[in-house]
Each structure stands twice: as structure tokens, then as C-alpha cells.
Amino acid sequence: MSSMDQALQTLETALSRLDSALDALFEQSGDPAILRRELQVMSDDRARLAADLDAALAREAELQSLADEASAALGSAIAEVKAALELQETASGQG
């Protein structure tokens, strides 16, 4: 076998090993096009979830504001009822 044949055989062996290594790598990591699509889907989902979260937080703030207003109105109503009851007790006690 000539040195040229030996070099050719070495090259073919190296190329075969490289091909096997690439096949294993692609099997392990998957098709790059599929991975890009999956990444895009995940990015789209993340953007949608972030928008949903922002909307939910805004709604929560709105509901908290309404609850605070309702609580203040209820507090005022309770105070008015107490005042009316005290006024009634005072009026009935004097009579």
C-alpha cells in the first residue's frame, strides 16, 4: 500500500468517524429547524403569558381599588348607623 493509499484510507476513516459523530450529535440535539421552530413557539408563548400577566395585574389593581372604595363606603355606613343608634338611644333615654 502506498503512502497515498494510506493517507486516503486515513482520510476516509476520519470522515466516517466525523459523519458518525455528527449523526450522534444531531440525534442528541435534534433537527436545527425543528429546534428553531420550538424556540419560536416558546418565545411566542412567553410573550403571550407576559401580556396575560400584565393584564391580570392591572385587573387585580383595579379590583383592589374597588375593594378599597367598598370598604370605605361600608365603614361610613357603619359609622352612620352607629351614630343613628346612639341618637335614638339618647332620644329614648331622655323621654
PDB file of N, CA and C in Angstrom:
ATOM      1  N   MET A   1       0.855  -1.171   0.000  1.00  0.00           N
ATOM      2  CA  MET A   1       0.000   0.000   0.000  1.00  0.00           C
ATOM      3  C   MET A   1       0.896   1.227   0.000  1.00  0.00           C
ATOM      4  N   SER A   2       0.623   2.148  -0.886  1.00  0.00           N
ATOM      5  CA  SER A   2       1.448   3.350  -0.997  1.00  0.00           C
ATOM      6  C   SER A   2       1.058   4.348   0.090  1.00  0.00           C
ATOM      7  N   SER A   3       1.895   5.311   0.290  1.00  0.00           N
ATOM      8  CA  SER A   3       1.599   6.335   1.296  1.00  0.00           C
ATOM      9  C   SER A   3       0.360   7.132   0.908  1.00  0.00           C
ATOM     10  N   MET A   4       0.118   7.264  -0.412  1.00  0.00           N
ATOM     11  CA  MET A   4      -1.084   7.948  -0.875  1.00  0.00           C
ATOM     12  C   MET A   4      -2.316   7.128  -0.504  1.00  0.00           C
ATOM     13  N   ASP A   5      -2.249   5.820  -0.675  1.00  0.00           N
ATOM     14  CA  ASP A   5      -3.372   4.947  -0.308  1.00  0.00           C
ATOM     15  C   ASP A   5      -3.602   4.985   1.201  1.00  0.00           C
ATOM     16  N   GLN A   6      -2.510   5.009   1.960  1.00  0.00           N
ATOM     17  CA  GLN A   6      -2.633   5.077   3.409  1.00  0.00           C
ATOM     18  C   GLN A   6      -3.270   6.406   3.842  1.00  0.00           C
ATOM     19  N   ALA A   7      -2.861   7.476   3.213  1.00  0.00           N
ATOM     20  CA  ALA A   7      -3.431   8.788   3.538  1.00  0.00           C
ATOM     21  C   ALA A   7      -4.908   8.825   3.171  1.00  0.00           C
ATOM     22  N   LEU A   8      -5.247   8.226   2.029  1.00  0.00           N
ATOM     23  CA  LEU A   8      -6.641   8.168   1.602  1.00  0.00           C
ATOM     24  C   LEU A   8      -7.459   7.334   2.587  1.00  0.00           C
ATOM     25  N   GLN A   9      -6.918   6.214   3.005  1.00  0.00           N
ATOM     26  CA  GLN A   9      -7.610   5.359   3.976  1.00  0.00           C
ATOM     27  C   GLN A   9      -7.793   6.096   5.307  1.00  0.00           C
ATOM     28  N   THR A  10      -6.770   6.820   5.753  1.00  0.00           N
ATOM     29  CA  THR A  10      -6.847   7.590   6.992  1.00  0.00           C
ATOM     30  C   THR A  10      -7.915   8.671   6.868  1.00  0.00           C
ATOM     31  N   LEU A  11      -7.946   9.337   5.720  1.00  0.00           N
ATOM     32  CA  LEU A  11      -8.944  10.374   5.484  1.00  0.00           C
ATOM     33  C   LEU A  11     -10.349   9.787   5.490  1.00  0.00           C
ATOM     34  N   GLU A  12     -10.544   8.643   4.817  1.00  0.00           N
ATOM     35  CA  GLU A  12     -11.859   8.015   4.785  1.00  0.00           C
ATOM     36  C   GLU A  12     -12.297   7.585   6.184  1.00  0.00           C
ATOM     37  N   THR A  13     -11.361   7.062   6.962  1.00  0.00           N
ATOM     38  CA  THR A  13     -11.676   6.666   8.339  1.00  0.00           C
ATOM     39  C   THR A  13     -12.078   7.887   9.168  1.00  0.00           C
ATOM     40  N   ALA A  14     -11.310   8.971   9.022  1.00  0.00           N
ATOM     41  CA  ALA A  14     -11.611  10.194   9.769  1.00  0.00           C
ATOM     42  C   ALA A  14     -12.960  10.772   9.360  1.00  0.00           C
ATOM     43  N   LEU A  15     -13.254  10.769   8.057  1.00  0.00           N
ATOM     44  CA  LEU A  15     -14.544  11.271   7.574  1.00  0.00           C
ATOM     45  C   LEU A  15     -15.701  10.408   8.078  1.00  0.00           C
ATOM     46  N   SER A  16     -15.471   9.103   8.114  1.00  0.00           N
ATOM     47  CA  SER A  16     -16.502   8.196   8.615  1.00  0.00           C
ATOM     48  C   SER A  16     -16.768   8.452  10.101  1.00  0.00           C
ATOM     49  N   ARG A  17     -15.703   8.653  10.869  1.00  0.00           N
ATOM     50  CA  ARG A  17     -15.858   8.953  12.293  1.00  0.00           C
ATOM     51  C   ARG A  17     -16.562  10.303  12.485  1.00  0.00           C
ATOM     52  N   LEU A  18     -16.196  11.282  11.665  1.00  0.00           N
ATOM     53  CA  LEU A  18     -16.837  12.592  11.747  1.00  0.00           C
ATOM     54  C   LEU A  18     -18.320  12.487  11.404  1.00  0.00           C
ATOM     55  N   ASP A  19     -18.648  11.730  10.378  1.00  0.00           N
ATOM     56  CA  ASP A  19     -20.038  11.535   9.984  1.00  0.00           C
ATOM     57  C   ASP A  19     -20.827  10.870  11.113  1.00  0.00           C
ATOM     58  N   SER A  20     -20.243   9.862  11.732  1.00  0.00           N
ATOM     59  CA  SER A  20     -20.899   9.181  12.851  1.00  0.00           C
ATOM     60  C   SER A  20     -21.091  10.137  14.026  1.00  0.00           C
ATOM     61  N   ALA A  21     -20.074  10.938  14.304  1.00  0.00           N
ATOM     62  CA  ALA A  21     -20.171  11.891  15.412  1.00  0.00           C
ATOM     63  C   ALA A  21     -21.251  12.930  15.133  1.00  0.00           C
ATOM     64  N   LEU A  22     -21.337  13.405  13.895  1.00  0.00           N
ATOM     65  CA  LEU A  22     -22.373  14.376  13.538  1.00  0.00           C
ATOM     66  C   LEU A  22     -23.761  13.766  13.628  1.00  0.00           C
ATOM     67  N   ASP A  23     -23.893  12.511  13.168  1.00  0.00           N
ATOM     68  CA  ASP A  23     -25.191  11.841  13.280  1.00  0.00           C
ATOM     69  C   ASP A  23     -25.610  11.734  14.741  1.00  0.00           C
ATOM     70  N   ALA A  24     -24.677  11.346  15.583  1.00  0.00           N
ATOM     71  CA  ALA A  24     -24.976  11.225  17.013  1.00  0.00           C
ATOM     72  C   ALA A  24     -25.347  12.584  17.599  1.00  0.00           C
ATOM     73  N   LEU A  25     -24.628  13.614  17.191  1.00  0.00           N
ATOM     74  CA  LEU A  25     -24.910  14.959  17.695  1.00  0.00           C
ATOM     75  C   LEU A  25     -26.298  15.423  17.263  1.00  0.00           C
ATOM     76  N   PHE A  26     -26.648  15.193  16.003  1.00  0.00           N
ATOM     77  CA  PHE A  26     -27.980  15.589  15.524  1.00  0.00           C
ATOM     78  C   PHE A  26     -29.078  14.776  16.201  1.00  0.00           C
ATOM     79  N   GLU A  27     -28.832  13.499  16.450  1.00  0.00           N
ATOM     80  CA  GLU A  27     -29.820  12.693  17.168  1.00  0.00           C
ATOM     81  C   GLU A  27     -30.008  13.215  18.580  1.00  0.00           C
ATOM     82  N   GLN A  28     -28.905  13.630  19.177  1.00  0.00           N
ATOM     83  CA  GLN A  28     -28.951  14.109  20.551  1.00  0.00           C
ATOM     84  C   GLN A  28     -29.629  15.472  20.638  1.00  0.00           C
ATOM     85  N   SER A  29     -29.293  16.373  19.735  1.00  0.00           N
ATOM     86  CA  SER A  29     -29.816  17.735  19.815  1.00  0.00           C
ATOM     87  C   SER A  29     -31.068  17.947  18.977  1.00  0.00           C
ATOM     88  N   GLY A  30     -31.306  17.103  18.020  1.00  0.00           N
ATOM     89  CA  GLY A  30     -32.478  17.251  17.175  1.00  0.00           C
ATOM     90  C   GLY A  30     -32.176  18.095  15.946  1.00  0.00           C
ATOM     91  N   ASP A  31     -33.161  18.165  15.093  1.00  0.00           N
ATOM     92  CA  ASP A  31     -33.052  18.925  13.848  1.00  0.00           C
ATOM     93  C   ASP A  31     -33.033  20.413  14.172  1.00  0.00           C
ATOM     94  N   PRO A  32     -32.027  21.142  13.686  1.00  0.00           N
ATOM     95  CA  PRO A  32     -31.950  22.583  13.996  1.00  0.00           C
ATOM     96  C   PRO A  32     -33.202  23.359  13.583  1.00  0.00           C
ATOM     97  N   ALA A  33     -33.803  22.992  12.469  1.00  0.00           N
ATOM     98  CA  ALA A  33     -35.006  23.702  12.024  1.00  0.00           C
ATOM     99  C   ALA A  33     -36.142  23.480  13.017  1.00  0.00           C
ATOM    100  N   ILE A  34     -36.259  22.252  13.502  1.00  0.00           N
ATOM    101  CA  ILE A  34     -37.305  21.947  14.491  1.00  0.00           C
ATOM    102  C   ILE A  34     -37.014  22.691  15.786  1.00  0.00           C
ATOM    103  N   LEU A  35     -35.743  22.701  16.186  1.00  0.00           N
ATOM    104  CA  LEU A  35     -35.374  23.414  17.413  1.00  0.00           C
ATOM    105  C   LEU A  35     -35.679  24.904  17.296  1.00  0.00           C
ATOM    106  N   ARG A  36     -35.417  25.490  16.127  1.00  0.00           N
ATOM    107  CA  ARG A  36     -35.728  26.913  15.927  1.00  0.00           C
ATOM    108  C   ARG A  36     -37.226  27.160  16.018  1.00  0.00           C
ATOM    109  N   ARG A  37     -38.012  26.258  15.419  1.00  0.00           N
ATOM    110  CA  ARG A  37     -39.479  26.407  15.491  1.00  0.00           C
ATOM    111  C   ARG A  37     -39.961  26.283  16.936  1.00  0.00           C
ATOM    112  N   GLU A  38     -39.419  25.302  17.656  1.00  0.00           N
ATOM    113  CA  GLU A  38     -39.815  25.135  19.058  1.00  0.00           C
ATOM    114  C   GLU A  38     -39.430  26.362  19.882  1.00  0.00           C
ATOM    115  N   LEU A  39     -38.256  26.900  19.606  1.00  0.00           N
ATOM    116  CA  LEU A  39     -37.821  28.107  20.306  1.00  0.00           C
ATOM    117  C   LEU A  39     -38.748  29.271  19.995  1.00  0.00           C
ATOM    118  N   GLN A  40     -39.171  29.395  18.743  1.00  0.00           N
ATOM    119  CA  GLN A  40     -40.093  30.466  18.362  1.00  0.00           C
ATOM    120  C   GLN A  40     -41.439  30.296  19.064  1.00  0.00           C
ATOM    121  N   VAL A  41     -41.919  29.055  19.123  1.00  0.00           N
ATOM    122  CA  VAL A  41     -43.187  28.781  19.811  1.00  0.00           C
ATOM    123  C   VAL A  41     -43.066  29.148  21.288  1.00  0.00           C
ATOM    124  N   MET A  42     -41.942  28.759  21.904  1.00  0.00           N
ATOM    125  CA  MET A  42     -41.744  29.089  23.319  1.00  0.00           C
ATOM    126  C   MET A  42     -41.639  30.597  23.518  1.00  0.00           C
ATOM    127  N   SER A  43     -40.990  31.287  22.606  1.00  0.00           N
ATOM    128  CA  SER A  43     -40.886  32.747  22.702  1.00  0.00           C
ATOM    129  C   SER A  43     -42.257  33.395  22.552  1.00  0.00           C
ATOM    130  N   ASP A  44     -43.045  32.894  21.624  1.00  0.00           N
ATOM    131  CA  ASP A  44     -44.407  33.414  21.443  1.00  0.00           C
ATOM    132  C   ASP A  44     -45.248  33.159  22.696  1.00  0.00           C
ATOM    133  N   ASP A  45     -45.120  31.954  23.253  1.00  0.00           N
ATOM    134  CA  ASP A  45     -45.854  31.634  24.484  1.00  0.00           C
ATOM    135  C   ASP A  45     -45.434  32.554  25.615  1.00  0.00           C
ATOM    136  N   ARG A  46     -44.141  32.796  25.726  1.00  0.00           N
ATOM    137  CA  ARG A  46     -43.634  33.669  26.785  1.00  0.00           C
ATOM    138  C   ARG A  46     -44.205  35.077  26.638  1.00  0.00           C
ATOM    139  N   ALA A  47     -44.224  35.580  25.404  1.00  0.00           N
ATOM    140  CA  ALA A  47     -44.759  36.920  25.156  1.00  0.00           C
ATOM    141  C   ALA A  47     -46.255  36.967  25.501  1.00  0.00           C
ATOM    142  N   ARG A  48     -46.987  35.916  25.121  1.00  0.00           N
ATOM    143  CA  ARG A  48     -48.420  35.859  25.415  1.00  0.00           C
ATOM    144  C   ARG A  48     -48.641  35.791  26.922  1.00  0.00           C
ATOM    145  N   LEU A  49     -47.858  34.963  27.601  1.00  0.00           N
ATOM    146  CA  LEU A  49     -48.004  34.836  29.051  1.00  0.00           C
ATOM    147  C   LEU A  49     -47.647  36.140  29.761  1.00  0.00           C
ATOM    148  N   ALA A  50     -46.638  36.831  29.264  1.00  0.00           N
ATOM    149  CA  ALA A  50     -46.261  38.119  29.860  1.00  0.00           C
ATOM    150  C   ALA A  50     -47.396  39.129  29.689  1.00  0.00           C
ATOM    151  N   ALA A  51     -48.016  39.138  28.521  1.00  0.00           N
ATOM    152  CA  ALA A  51     -49.149  40.048  28.284  1.00  0.00           C
ATOM    153  C   ALA A  51     -50.329  39.670  29.175  1.00  0.00           C
ATOM    154  N   ASP A  52     -50.583  38.367  29.302  1.00  0.00           N
ATOM    155  CA  ASP A  52     -51.666  37.912  30.186  1.00  0.00           C
ATOM    156  C   ASP A  52     -51.396  38.301  31.638  1.00  0.00           C
ATOM    157  N   LEU A  53     -50.146  38.158  32.048  1.00  0.00           N
ATOM    158  CA  LEU A  53     -49.782  38.527  33.416  1.00  0.00           C
ATOM    159  C   LEU A  53     -49.961  40.023  33.639  1.00  0.00           C
ATOM    160  N   ASP A  54     -49.537  40.828  32.683  1.00  0.00           N
ATOM    161  CA  ASP A  54     -49.717  42.284  32.798  1.00  0.00           C
ATOM    162  C   ASP A  54     -51.202  42.637  32.911  1.00  0.00           C
ATOM    163  N   ALA A  55     -52.024  41.984  32.098  1.00  0.00           N
ATOM    164  CA  ALA A  55     -53.465  42.246  32.143  1.00  0.00           C
ATOM    165  C   ALA A  55     -54.046  41.808  33.486  1.00  0.00           C
ATOM    166  N   ALA A  56     -53.613  40.655  33.983  1.00  0.00           N
ATOM    167  CA  ALA A  56     -54.113  40.160  35.267  1.00  0.00           C
ATOM    168  C   ALA A  56     -53.689  41.086  36.407  1.00  0.00           C
ATOM    169  N   LEU A  57     -52.465  41.581  36.352  1.00  0.00           N
ATOM    170  CA  LEU A  57     -52.001  42.502  37.391  1.00  0.00           C
ATOM    171  C   LEU A  57     -52.775  43.815  37.352  1.00  0.00           C
ATOM    172  N   ALA A  58     -53.070  44.297  36.151  1.00  0.00           N
ATOM    173  CA  ALA A  58     -53.856  45.525  36.024  1.00  0.00           C
ATOM    174  C   ALA A  58     -55.266  45.300  36.561  1.00  0.00           C
ATOM    175  N   ARG A  59     -55.843  44.151  36.252  1.00  0.00           N
ATOM    176  CA  ARG A  59     -57.188  43.824  36.748  1.00  0.00           C
ATOM    177  C   ARG A  59     -57.176  43.697  38.273  1.00  0.00           C
ATOM    178  N   GLU A  60     -56.120  43.079  38.807  1.00  0.00           N
ATOM    179  CA  GLU A  60     -56.002  42.939  40.257  1.00  0.00           C
ATOM    180  C   GLU A  60     -55.922  44.305  40.919  1.00  0.00           C
ATOM    181  N   ALA A  61     -55.166  45.223  40.341  1.00  0.00           N
ATOM    182  CA  ALA A  61     -55.063  46.576  40.895  1.00  0.00           C
ATOM    183  C   ALA A  61     -56.418  47.282  40.845  1.00  0.00           C
ATOM    184  N   GLU A  62     -57.144  47.087  39.748  1.00  0.00           N
ATOM    185  CA  GLU A  62     -58.473  47.686  39.613  1.00  0.00           C
ATOM    186  C   GLU A  62     -59.428  47.118  40.664  1.00  0.00           C
ATOM    187  N   LEU A  63     -59.393  45.793  40.846  1.00  0.00           N
ATOM    188  CA  LEU A  63     -60.257  45.162  41.843  1.00  0.00           C
ATOM    189  C   LEU A  63     -59.884  45.596  43.259  1.00  0.00           C
ATOM    190  N   GLN A  64     -58.604  45.759  43.521  1.00  0.00           N
ATOM    191  CA  GLN A  64     -58.174  46.213  44.842  1.00  0.00           C
ATOM    192  C   GLN A  64     -58.680  47.624  45.112  1.00  0.00           C
ATOM    193  N   SER A  65     -58.622  48.472  44.090  1.00  0.00           N
ATOM    194  CA  SER A  65     -59.130  49.834  44.232  1.00  0.00           C
ATOM    195  C   SER A  65     -60.630  49.827  44.519  1.00  0.00           C
ATOM    196  N   LEU A  66     -61.367  48.996  43.803  1.00  0.00           N
ATOM    197  CA  LEU A  66     -62.813  48.889  44.039  1.00  0.00           C
ATOM    198  C   LEU A  66     -63.094  48.336  45.433  1.00  0.00           C
ATOM    199  N   ALA A  67     -62.299  47.371  45.881  1.00  0.00           N
ATOM    200  CA  ALA A  67     -62.484  46.816  47.228  1.00  0.00           C
ATOM    201  C   ALA A  67     -62.207  47.881  48.286  1.00  0.00           C
ATOM    202  N   ASP A  68     -61.179  48.705  48.052  1.00  0.00           N
ATOM    203  CA  ASP A  68     -60.880  49.781  48.992  1.00  0.00           C
ATOM    204  C   ASP A  68     -62.031  50.780  49.065  1.00  0.00           C
ATOM    205  N   GLU A  69     -62.597  51.123  47.897  1.00  0.00           N
ATOM    206  CA  GLU A  69     -63.744  52.040  47.869  1.00  0.00           C
ATOM    207  C   GLU A  69     -64.943  51.433  48.592  1.00  0.00           C
ATOM    208  N   ALA A  70     -65.201  50.161  48.351  1.00  0.00           N
ATOM    209  CA  ALA A  70     -66.329  49.489  49.004  1.00  0.00           C
ATOM    210  C   ALA A  70     -66.119  49.438  50.515  1.00  0.00           C
ATOM    211  N   SER A  71     -64.897  49.164  50.928  1.00  0.00           N
ATOM    212  CA  SER A  71     -64.587  49.104  52.355  1.00  0.00           C
ATOM    213  C   SER A  71     -64.796  50.466  53.009  1.00  0.00           C
ATOM    214  N   ALA A  72     -64.357  51.525  52.324  1.00  0.00           N
ATOM    215  CA  ALA A  72     -64.544  52.877  52.865  1.00  0.00           C
ATOM    216  C   ALA A  72     -66.037  53.216  52.947  1.00  0.00           C
ATOM    217  N   ALA A  73     -66.796  52.864  51.916  1.00  0.00           N
ATOM    218  CA  ALA A  73     -68.240  53.136  51.922  1.00  0.00           C
ATOM    219  C   ALA A  73     -68.923  52.342  53.033  1.00  0.00           C
ATOM    220  N   LEU A  74     -68.510  51.098  53.231  1.00  0.00           N
ATOM    221  CA  LEU A  74     -69.087  50.280  54.291  1.00  0.00           C
ATOM    222  C   LEU A  74     -68.740  50.851  55.664  1.00  0.00           C
ATOM    223  N   GLY A  75     -67.501  51.310  55.815  1.00  0.00           N
ATOM    224  CA  GLY A  75     -67.102  51.946  57.070  1.00  0.00           C
ATOM    225  C   GLY A  75     -67.936  53.173  57.363  1.00  0.00           C
ATOM    226  N   SER A  76     -68.198  53.980  56.355  1.00  0.00           N
ATOM    227  CA  SER A  76     -69.039  55.182  56.525  1.00  0.00           C
ATOM    228  C   SER A  76     -70.460  54.805  56.897  1.00  0.00           C
ATOM    229  N   ALA A  77     -70.973  53.778  56.227  1.00  0.00           N
ATOM    230  CA  ALA A  77     -72.345  53.344  56.524  1.00  0.00           C
ATOM    231  C   ALA A  77     -72.450  52.823  57.951  1.00  0.00           C
ATOM    232  N   ILE A  78     -71.468  52.064  58.403  1.00  0.00           N
ATOM    233  CA  ILE A  78     -71.465  51.551  59.777  1.00  0.00           C
ATOM    234  C   ILE A  78     -71.419  52.706  60.769  1.00  0.00           C
ATOM    235  N   ALA A  79     -70.585  53.687  60.489  1.00  0.00           N
ATOM    236  CA  ALA A  79     -70.486  54.854  61.381  1.00  0.00           C
ATOM    237  C   ALA A  79     -71.816  55.600  61.439  1.00  0.00           C
ATOM    238  N   GLU A  80     -72.486  55.741  60.300  1.00  0.00           N
ATOM    239  CA  GLU A  80     -73.784  56.429  60.284  1.00  0.00           C
ATOM    240  C   GLU A  80     -74.836  55.653  61.062  1.00  0.00           C
ATOM    241  N   VAL A  81     -74.833  54.336  60.920  1.00  0.00           N
ATOM    242  CA  VAL A  81     -75.800  53.513  61.654  1.00  0.00           C
ATOM    243  C   VAL A  81     -75.546  53.624  63.152  1.00  0.00           C
ATOM    244  N   LYS A  82     -74.270  53.547  63.556  1.00  0.00           N
ATOM    245  CA  LYS A  82     -73.931  53.685  64.984  1.00  0.00           C
ATOM    246  C   LYS A  82     -74.370  55.045  65.512  1.00  0.00           C
ATOM    247  N   ALA A  83     -74.098  56.073  64.722  1.00  0.00           N
ATOM    248  CA  ALA A  83     -74.497  57.422  65.155  1.00  0.00           C
ATOM    249  C   ALA A  83     -76.009  57.512  65.279  1.00  0.00           C
ATOM    250  N   ALA A  84     -76.724  56.935  64.345  1.00  0.00           N
ATOM    251  CA  ALA A  84     -78.191  56.970  64.402  1.00  0.00           C
ATOM    252  C   ALA A  84     -78.696  56.192  65.602  1.00  0.00           C
ATOM    253  N   LEU A  85     -78.080  55.037  65.891  1.00  0.00           N
ATOM    254  CA  LEU A  85     -78.493  54.253  67.056  1.00  0.00           C
ATOM    255  C   LEU A  85     -78.203  55.002  68.355  1.00  0.00           C
ATOM    256  N   GLU A  86     -77.059  55.649  68.419  1.00  0.00           N
ATOM    257  CA  GLU A  86     -76.725  56.432  69.617  1.00  0.00           C
ATOM    258  C   GLU A  86     -77.700  57.594  69.785  1.00  0.00           C
ATOM    259  N   LEU A  87     -78.045  58.229  68.680  1.00  0.00           N
ATOM    260  CA  LEU A  87     -79.004  59.329  68.714  1.00  0.00           C
ATOM    261  C   LEU A  87     -80.365  58.830  69.183  1.00  0.00           C
ATOM    262  N   GLN A  88     -80.756  57.654  68.705  1.00  0.00           N
ATOM    263  CA  GLN A  88     -82.034  57.080  69.092  1.00  0.00           C
ATOM    264  C   GLN A  88     -82.022  56.713  70.584  1.00  0.00           C
ATOM    265  N   GLU A  89     -80.908  56.135  71.044  1.00  0.00           N
ATOM    266  CA  GLU A  89     -80.806  55.776  72.477  1.00  0.00           C
ATOM    267  C   GLU A  89     -80.858  57.025  73.349  1.00  0.00           C
ATOM    268  N   THR A  90     -80.176  58.055  72.900  1.00  0.00           N
ATOM    269  CA  THR A  90     -80.168  59.325  73.652  1.00  0.00           C
ATOM    270  C   THR A  90     -81.578  59.908  73.680  1.00  0.00           C
ATOM    271  N   ALA A  91     -82.262  59.873  72.552  1.00  0.00           N
ATOM    272  CA  ALA A  91     -83.614  60.445  72.472  1.00  0.00           C
ATOM    273  C   ALA A  91     -84.586  59.634  73.311  1.00  0.00           C
ATOM    274  N   SER A  92     -84.466  58.322  73.277  1.00  0.00           N
ATOM    275  CA  SER A  92     -85.399  57.482  74.035  1.00  0.00           C
ATOM    276  C   SER A  92     -85.059  57.491  75.531  1.00  0.00           C
ATOM    277  N   GLY A  93     -83.818  57.731  75.877  1.00  0.00           N
ATOM    278  CA  GLY A  93     -83.425  57.820  77.271  1.00  0.00           C
ATOM    279  C   GLY A  93     -83.876  59.107  77.915  1.00  0.00           C
ATOM    280  N   GLN A  94     -84.035  60.156  77.124  1.00  0.00           N
ATOM    281  CA  GLN A  94     -84.437  61.444  77.664  1.00  0.00           C
ATOM    282  C   GLN A  94     -85.943  61.515  77.832  1.00  0.00           C
ATOM    283  N   GLY A  95     -86.645  60.750  77.122  1.00  0.00           N
ATOM    284  CA  GLY A  95     -88.082  60.883  77.083  1.00  0.00           C
ATOM    285  C   GLY A  95     -88.777  60.296  78.185  1.00  0.00           C
TER     286      GLY A  95
END
